[in-house]
Amino acid sequence: MTRLLALLLMVTLVPLPVCASGPCAAIGPVDQKLDRELNQHVANAMNLPDATVRQVFRSGTWRILYVTSSRADGAYLFYSASPAQALPVAIWAGAARTDETAGVERWVHENAVGIPRDLAKCFAVYVTTRRSM
């Protein structure tokens, strides 16, 4: 019985993406550890010297980075390639209600042309139902 309790405790302590199931399985968001190089690329692209990447969503070559700064509200930056090689193709800031999932997904497809469907769906579900405001 003690082994079972220890195993259950270990399983609950394993870090998982916030949306480990459903449309976000294997996509994210994953809390970003300090990555000075990534932060520097984003800071340069956004002209925000203290930009910090907090979360990362991934599918194929695409990335959505949640970025914070003392000079601007937090925002999601959409990249079709590595942030070291490309500028964001779209930026999302603000909030969305739970009944706006389809609208957010439509916005993503219209503004981040070519984004994988799974990433667009995950993002829409996350910002409308799972994101803490």
Protein backbone atom coordinates (compact mmCIF):
# COMPACT_ATOMS: atom_id res chain seq x y z
CA MET A 1 0.00 0.00 0.00
CA THR A 2 2.87 2.39 0.78
CA ARG A 3 4.36 1.87 -2.69
CA LEU A 4 1.02 2.66 -4.29
CA LEU A 5 0.73 5.90 -2.33
CA ALA A 6 4.30 6.86 -3.23
CA LEU A 7 3.61 6.14 -6.91
CA LEU A 8 0.42 8.21 -6.86
CA LEU A 9 2.27 11.07 -5.22
CA MET A 10 5.04 10.95 -7.84
CA VAL A 11 2.51 10.94 -10.68
CA THR A 12 0.78 14.01 -9.31
CA LEU A 13 4.09 15.88 -9.08
CA VAL A 14 5.12 15.31 -12.71
CA PRO A 15 4.79 18.63 -14.56
CA LEU A 16 2.37 18.47 -17.47
CA PRO A 17 1.14 21.09 -19.89
CA VAL A 18 -1.86 22.98 -18.55
CA CYS A 19 -4.05 21.42 -21.25
CA ALA A 20 -2.63 17.90 -21.18
CA SER A 21 -5.74 16.47 -22.75
CA GLY A 22 -8.25 17.42 -25.41
CA PRO A 23 -7.25 19.74 -28.24
CA CYS A 24 -4.03 20.77 -26.50
CA ALA A 25 -2.51 17.34 -25.91
CA ALA A 26 1.19 17.51 -26.87
CA ILE A 27 0.83 21.18 -27.95
CA GLY A 28 0.90 23.17 -24.73
CA PRO A 29 1.03 25.52 -23.17
CA VAL A 30 4.26 24.55 -21.53
CA ASP A 31 5.67 26.96 -18.98
CA GLN A 32 8.90 28.30 -20.38
CA LYS A 33 12.07 28.07 -18.33
CA LEU A 34 14.41 31.01 -18.50
CA ASP A 35 15.77 31.10 -22.05
CA ARG A 36 17.76 34.29 -22.49
CA GLU A 37 18.30 33.73 -26.20
CA LEU A 38 14.59 33.26 -26.91
CA ASN A 39 13.73 36.25 -24.73
CA GLN A 40 16.29 38.35 -26.63
CA HIS A 41 14.83 37.42 -30.02
CA VAL A 42 11.34 38.32 -28.84
CA ALA A 43 12.55 41.52 -27.15
CA ASN A 44 14.21 42.65 -30.39
CA ALA A 45 11.18 41.76 -32.52
CA MET A 46 8.79 43.60 -30.19
CA ASN A 47 11.16 46.45 -29.23
CA LEU A 48 10.57 45.57 -25.56
CA PRO A 49 13.92 45.18 -23.77
CA ASP A 50 12.49 43.21 -20.84
CA ALA A 51 10.23 40.84 -22.79
CA THR A 52 9.97 37.43 -21.15
CA VAL A 53 8.49 34.31 -22.74
CA ARG A 54 6.20 32.65 -20.17
CA GLN A 55 4.49 29.90 -22.17
CA VAL A 56 5.00 28.09 -25.45
CA PHE A 57 2.51 26.25 -27.67
CA ARG A 58 3.99 24.17 -30.55
CA SER A 59 2.87 22.30 -33.63
CA GLY A 60 5.24 21.56 -36.50
CA THR A 61 7.35 24.63 -37.21
CA TRP A 62 4.74 26.92 -35.67
CA ARG A 63 4.98 28.47 -32.20
CA ILE A 64 2.71 30.65 -30.12
CA LEU A 65 4.60 32.41 -27.34
CA TYR A 66 2.93 34.13 -24.40
CA VAL A 67 5.14 37.12 -23.63
CA THR A 68 5.07 39.60 -20.77
CA SER A 69 6.86 42.90 -20.27
CA SER A 70 6.76 45.73 -17.76
CA ARG A 71 6.09 48.09 -20.69
CA ALA A 72 3.09 46.35 -22.27
CA ASP A 73 0.24 43.99 -21.52
CA GLY A 74 0.91 40.29 -21.98
CA ALA A 75 0.42 39.08 -25.54
CA TYR A 76 0.51 35.91 -27.62
CA LEU A 77 2.94 36.07 -30.55
CA PHE A 78 2.36 33.70 -33.47
CA TYR A 79 5.45 32.46 -35.34
CA SER A 80 5.45 30.30 -38.47
CA ALA A 81 9.14 29.48 -37.93
CA SER A 82 11.70 29.76 -35.16
CA PRO A 83 11.59 33.16 -33.42
CA ALA A 84 15.34 33.31 -34.09
CA GLN A 85 14.62 33.29 -37.84
CA ALA A 86 11.30 35.10 -38.22
CA LEU A 87 9.12 37.91 -36.96
CA PRO A 88 5.67 37.22 -35.50
CA VAL A 89 2.97 36.81 -38.15
CA ALA A 90 0.18 37.78 -35.72
CA ILE A 91 -0.29 39.08 -32.18
CA TRP A 92 -3.22 38.44 -29.83
CA ALA A 93 -3.80 40.39 -26.63
CA GLY A 94 -6.86 40.64 -24.45
CA ALA A 95 -9.47 38.24 -23.27
CA ALA A 96 -12.24 36.10 -24.75
CA ARG A 97 -15.42 34.64 -23.31
CA THR A 98 -16.17 30.92 -23.24
CA ASP A 99 -18.77 31.34 -26.00
CA GLU A 100 -16.19 32.87 -28.38
CA THR A 101 -14.07 29.76 -29.08
CA ALA A 102 -15.18 29.44 -32.71
CA GLY A 103 -14.63 33.16 -33.30
CA VAL A 104 -11.13 33.06 -31.83
CA GLU A 105 -10.23 30.04 -33.95
CA ARG A 106 -11.52 31.84 -37.04
CA TRP A 107 -9.45 34.92 -36.11
CA VAL A 108 -6.33 32.75 -35.77
CA HIS A 109 -6.80 31.19 -39.22
CA GLU A 110 -7.44 34.60 -40.79
CA ASN A 111 -4.45 36.31 -39.14
CA ALA A 112 -1.91 33.48 -38.92
CA VAL A 113 -2.40 32.06 -42.41
CA GLY A 114 -1.11 28.50 -42.69
CA ILE A 115 -1.16 27.73 -38.97
CA PRO A 116 -1.84 24.06 -38.24
CA ARG A 117 -5.47 23.37 -37.36
CA ASP A 118 -4.54 21.62 -34.11
CA LEU A 119 -2.57 24.64 -32.89
CA ALA A 120 -5.33 27.09 -33.83
CA LYS A 121 -7.93 24.92 -32.06
CA CYS A 122 -5.77 24.52 -28.95
CA PHE A 123 -5.16 28.26 -28.72
CA ALA A 124 -8.84 29.08 -29.14
CA VAL A 125 -9.89 26.59 -26.47
CA TYR A 126 -7.14 27.73 -24.12
CA VAL A 127 -7.88 31.47 -24.24
CA THR A 128 -11.63 30.96 -23.94
CA THR A 129 -11.85 28.21 -21.34
CA ARG A 130 -8.59 27.48 -19.55
CA ARG A 131 -6.65 30.71 -19.31
CA SER A 132 -6.70 32.37 -15.91
CA MET A 133 -7.48 36.05 -16.22
